[in-house]
Amino acid sequence: MFNDYKILKRGEKGYGLMIESDAGVINPSDIRNKPFLYEMDKIGSGRAIMVEPLILFVVLQKYGVENRNGRIYPEHILKREATNYQQLIDSRGAIGESDHPESSVISNSRVSHEIKKIWWEGHTLVGELEIIMSPGFINQGIISCEGDQIANMLRKGIRVGVSSRGVGSLEEIAGKLLVQDDFEIICWDIVTSPSTPGSYMFNSKEEARPFMESEIKGKDLLIDKLNKFLL
């Protein structure tokens, strides 16, 4: 089990909690199950509505790309952690919170979603995420949990994001902050301002395709240079 760690700020090296505040954006217009917005507009009309589940397609993270926090996740580290995270998905433990807490522990009271699937599309880790809504919100629009709040924001057309939380160390190599081999992913949270470039939620893979590889172009020489330090 994780303990509480020092939070590593932008440009800071060492060991601690890495909160990435720019993974991606959930665009209400890109929600996979389109009936959701339509049905949510009927709240208060006296009609009971059941629109579960609310499933979103999401770009989670990329390897070899410098994010807004100035960090680069090497391929072998991010792929290893994705494999480890799959075990949480299989056991129905792949949950996350609304907003990034300054802690390495996931709070049950703030759980807002569950990640159902993850897979690789080139350099990009993508997946499916389900917003956890209460029966009161589904049937009457009563907000009583974090997932309800997120769903209501999406209903109102507000864009929110997805961002990773993990612990590990950072070293400066070739002028860049590189995530080290002791990194462990904790979860992906829903935030108001996400950190991996182009990490959005979409209605389909086709809509996401331009965002998956666009940030990789022109960076091959840098990645080759950095990878020499990892051999």
Protein backbone atom coordinates (compact mmCIF):
# COMPACT_ATOMS: atom_id res chain seq x y z
CA MET A 1 0.00 0.00 0.00
CA PHE A 2 1.23 3.47 -0.81
CA ASN A 3 2.12 5.96 1.88
CA ASP A 4 1.91 9.74 1.66
CA TYR A 5 4.80 11.26 -0.27
CA LYS A 6 6.18 14.66 -1.06
CA ILE A 7 4.55 16.08 -4.21
CA LEU A 8 7.08 16.71 -6.98
CA LYS A 9 6.43 20.10 -8.55
CA ARG A 10 7.15 21.12 -12.12
CA GLY A 11 10.90 20.98 -12.84
CA GLU A 12 11.68 19.24 -9.55
CA LYS A 13 13.81 16.09 -9.39
CA GLY A 14 13.85 13.35 -6.76
CA TYR A 15 11.34 10.83 -5.40
CA GLY A 16 7.72 11.57 -4.61
CA LEU A 17 4.13 11.80 -5.78
CA MET A 18 3.78 12.66 -9.48
CA ILE A 19 0.50 14.36 -10.29
CA GLU A 20 0.02 14.99 -14.01
CA SER A 21 -2.52 17.75 -14.44
CA ASP A 22 -2.83 17.69 -18.23
CA ALA A 23 -3.70 14.21 -19.44
CA GLY A 24 -6.78 15.00 -21.47
CA VAL A 25 -10.20 16.56 -21.84
CA ILE A 26 -13.65 14.98 -21.72
CA ASN A 27 -15.68 16.74 -24.36
CA PRO A 28 -19.44 16.43 -23.77
CA SER A 29 -20.05 16.29 -27.51
CA ASP A 30 -17.84 13.21 -27.74
CA ILE A 31 -19.70 11.04 -25.22
CA ARG A 32 -20.06 7.53 -26.64
CA ASN A 33 -23.63 6.84 -25.59
CA LYS A 34 -25.32 9.81 -27.26
CA PRO A 35 -28.74 9.28 -25.59
CA PHE A 36 -27.24 10.43 -22.29
CA LEU A 37 -27.46 14.19 -22.89
CA TYR A 38 -30.91 13.90 -24.42
CA GLU A 39 -32.29 11.82 -21.56
CA MET A 40 -30.66 14.00 -18.88
CA ASP A 41 -32.58 16.99 -20.24
CA LYS A 42 -35.77 15.21 -19.13
CA ILE A 43 -34.80 15.41 -15.42
CA GLY A 44 -37.61 17.05 -13.48
CA SER A 45 -40.26 16.06 -15.99
CA GLY A 46 -41.55 13.29 -13.74
CA ARG A 47 -40.29 10.54 -16.03
CA ALA A 48 -37.93 8.00 -14.49
CA ILE A 49 -34.86 7.60 -16.67
CA MET A 50 -32.18 4.93 -16.72
CA VAL A 51 -29.17 5.85 -18.82
CA GLU A 52 -26.49 3.65 -17.29
CA PRO A 53 -23.77 3.02 -18.05
CA LEU A 54 -22.11 6.28 -19.09
CA ILE A 55 -19.02 5.02 -20.94
CA LEU A 56 -16.35 7.37 -22.33
CA PHE A 57 -13.48 6.67 -24.71
CA VAL A 58 -10.33 8.27 -23.29
CA VAL A 59 -6.72 8.90 -24.25
CA LEU A 60 -4.92 8.23 -20.96
CA GLN A 61 -1.18 8.69 -21.42
CA LYS A 62 1.71 8.67 -23.90
CA TYR A 63 5.28 7.49 -23.70
CA GLY A 64 8.14 9.52 -25.16
CA VAL A 65 6.22 12.80 -25.00
CA GLU A 66 7.09 15.74 -22.74
CA ASN A 67 3.95 16.76 -20.85
CA ARG A 68 3.07 20.14 -19.35
CA ASN A 69 4.91 19.26 -16.16
CA GLY A 70 8.07 18.81 -18.22
CA ARG A 71 8.21 15.03 -17.65
CA ILE A 72 8.78 12.20 -20.10
CA TYR A 73 7.60 8.64 -19.46
CA PRO A 74 9.86 6.05 -21.16
CA GLU A 75 8.17 3.30 -23.17
CA HIS A 76 9.22 0.32 -21.06
CA ILE A 77 8.09 1.96 -17.80
CA LEU A 78 4.65 3.04 -19.00
CA LYS A 79 4.00 -0.31 -20.70
CA ARG A 80 4.99 -2.18 -17.55
CA GLU A 81 2.65 -0.06 -15.43
CA ALA A 82 -0.20 -0.52 -17.92
CA THR A 83 0.26 -4.29 -17.60
CA ASN A 84 0.19 -4.01 -13.81
CA TYR A 85 -2.89 -1.79 -13.94
CA GLN A 86 -4.71 -4.40 -16.02
CA GLN A 87 -4.76 -6.57 -12.89
CA LEU A 88 -6.75 -3.85 -11.11
CA ILE A 89 -9.15 -3.67 -14.04
CA ASP A 90 -9.64 -7.44 -13.95
CA SER A 91 -10.42 -7.33 -10.22
CA ARG A 92 -12.77 -4.31 -10.54
CA GLY A 93 -10.37 -2.14 -8.55
CA ALA A 94 -9.42 0.37 -11.27
CA ILE A 95 -11.13 3.35 -9.68
CA GLY A 96 -10.24 7.04 -9.58
CA GLU A 97 -11.31 10.27 -7.92
CA SER A 98 -12.71 13.62 -8.87
CA ASP A 99 -9.77 16.07 -8.68
CA HIS A 100 -6.21 15.19 -7.71
CA PRO A 101 -5.85 14.84 -3.93
CA GLU A 102 -2.44 15.53 -2.44
CA SER A 103 -2.23 11.89 -1.37
CA SER A 104 -1.24 8.54 -2.79
CA VAL A 105 -4.35 6.90 -1.29
CA ILE A 106 -7.65 6.68 -3.21
CA SER A 107 -10.52 7.87 -1.01
CA ASN A 108 -13.76 5.87 -1.25
CA SER A 109 -15.80 9.02 -0.61
CA ARG A 110 -14.37 10.74 -3.70
CA VAL A 111 -14.50 7.87 -6.22
CA SER A 112 -16.11 9.12 -9.44
CA HIS A 113 -15.32 6.51 -12.10
CA GLU A 114 -13.97 3.09 -12.97
CA ILE A 115 -11.65 2.28 -15.86
CA LYS A 116 -13.08 -0.72 -17.71
CA LYS A 117 -10.53 -1.33 -20.49
CA ILE A 118 -7.09 -0.15 -21.59
CA TRP A 119 -5.05 -0.87 -24.71
CA TRP A 120 -2.24 0.60 -26.78
CA GLU A 121 -2.60 2.58 -30.00
CA GLY A 122 1.01 3.19 -31.04
CA HIS A 123 2.64 5.44 -28.42
CA THR A 124 -0.70 6.13 -26.75
CA LEU A 125 -2.47 4.32 -23.91
CA VAL A 126 -6.23 4.53 -24.44
CA GLY A 127 -9.21 3.00 -22.72
CA GLU A 128 -12.84 3.09 -21.68
CA LEU A 129 -14.00 4.79 -18.50
CA GLU A 130 -17.38 4.56 -16.78
CA ILE A 131 -18.75 7.45 -14.70
CA ILE A 132 -20.23 6.04 -11.46
CA MET A 133 -23.66 7.62 -10.95
CA SER A 134 -26.13 7.14 -8.10
CA PRO A 135 -29.73 5.90 -8.62
CA GLY A 136 -30.95 9.27 -7.32
CA PHE A 137 -29.16 11.13 -10.08
CA ILE A 138 -30.10 8.65 -12.81
CA ASN A 139 -33.80 8.79 -11.94
CA GLN A 140 -34.30 12.27 -10.47
CA GLY A 141 -31.19 14.31 -11.07
CA ILE A 142 -30.25 14.43 -7.38
CA ILE A 143 -26.49 14.89 -6.98
CA SER A 144 -25.18 12.80 -4.10
CA CYS A 145 -21.73 11.57 -5.17
CA GLU A 146 -18.69 12.71 -7.14
CA GLY A 147 -19.73 10.75 -10.24
CA ASP A 148 -23.09 12.54 -10.24
CA GLN A 149 -21.28 15.87 -10.22
CA ILE A 150 -19.09 14.88 -13.17
CA ALA A 151 -22.10 13.57 -15.13
CA ASN A 152 -24.00 16.79 -14.47
CA MET A 153 -21.06 18.90 -15.65
CA LEU A 154 -20.96 16.88 -18.87
CA ARG A 155 -24.72 17.33 -19.24
CA LYS A 156 -24.20 21.10 -18.98
CA GLY A 157 -21.56 20.98 -21.69
CA ILE A 158 -18.58 21.58 -19.36
CA ARG A 159 -15.27 20.06 -20.43
CA VAL A 160 -13.32 18.15 -17.80
CA GLY A 161 -10.13 16.12 -18.06
CA VAL A 162 -8.39 12.91 -17.09
CA SER A 163 -4.97 12.85 -15.46
CA SER A 164 -2.61 10.31 -13.90
CA ARG A 165 -1.36 9.97 -10.32
CA GLY A 166 1.67 7.88 -9.38
CA VAL A 167 4.79 7.67 -7.22
CA GLY A 168 8.40 7.43 -8.29
CA SER A 169 11.52 9.44 -9.00
CA LEU A 170 12.66 11.88 -11.66
CA GLU A 171 16.16 12.41 -13.01
CA GLU A 172 17.36 15.09 -15.41
CA ILE A 173 18.88 13.49 -18.52
CA ALA A 174 19.89 15.40 -21.64
CA GLY A 175 18.14 18.44 -20.22
CA LYS A 176 14.83 16.61 -19.76
CA LEU A 177 13.13 15.19 -16.66
CA LEU A 178 12.82 11.45 -17.21
CA VAL A 179 10.59 9.21 -15.08
CA GLN A 180 12.68 6.46 -13.49
CA ASP A 181 12.21 2.71 -13.16
CA ASP A 182 10.76 2.92 -9.61
CA PHE A 183 7.60 4.63 -10.91
CA GLU A 184 4.25 3.07 -9.93
CA ILE A 185 0.90 4.18 -11.31
CA ILE A 186 -1.84 4.68 -8.72
CA CYS A 187 -4.81 5.72 -10.84
CA TRP A 188 -6.22 8.17 -13.35
CA ASP A 189 -8.36 10.95 -11.86
CA ILE A 190 -10.91 13.29 -13.41
CA VAL A 191 -9.72 16.89 -13.23
CA THR A 192 -10.64 20.34 -14.51
CA SER A 193 -7.28 20.95 -16.20
CA PRO A 194 -5.58 17.84 -17.67
CA SER A 195 -1.38 17.15 -18.52
CA THR A 196 -0.49 14.68 -21.32
CA PRO A 197 -0.79 16.52 -24.66
CA GLY A 198 -3.88 15.59 -26.67
CA SER A 199 -5.16 13.14 -24.06
CA TYR A 200 -8.88 13.53 -24.67
CA MET A 201 -12.12 11.56 -24.44
CA PHE A 202 -13.83 10.76 -27.71
CA ASN A 203 -16.82 9.04 -29.22
CA SER A 204 -14.67 6.67 -31.28
CA LYS A 205 -11.09 5.68 -32.11
CA GLU A 206 -11.36 7.47 -35.42
CA GLU A 207 -12.05 10.81 -33.71
CA ALA A 208 -9.05 10.28 -31.42
CA ARG A 209 -6.59 9.21 -34.11
CA PRO A 210 -5.17 12.70 -34.89
CA PHE A 211 -4.40 13.22 -31.19
CA MET A 212 -2.70 9.86 -30.60
CA GLU A 213 0.45 10.32 -32.63
CA SER A 214 0.57 14.05 -33.41
CA GLU A 215 2.74 14.90 -30.42
CA ILE A 216 5.33 12.26 -31.32
CA LYS A 217 6.37 13.75 -34.67
CA GLY A 218 9.77 15.42 -34.64
CA LYS A 219 10.75 13.95 -31.27
CA ASP A 220 12.45 10.74 -32.44
CA LEU A 221 15.98 12.11 -32.07
CA LEU A 222 15.28 13.29 -28.55
CA ILE A 223 13.79 9.94 -27.53
CA ASP A 224 16.71 8.03 -29.05
CA LYS A 225 19.09 10.21 -27.09
CA LEU A 226 17.22 9.67 -23.84
CA ASN A 227 16.86 5.93 -24.35
CA LYS A 228 20.65 5.55 -24.44
CA PHE A 229 20.68 6.37 -20.74
CA LEU A 230 18.21 3.58 -19.98
CA LEU A 231 20.20 0.68 -21.46
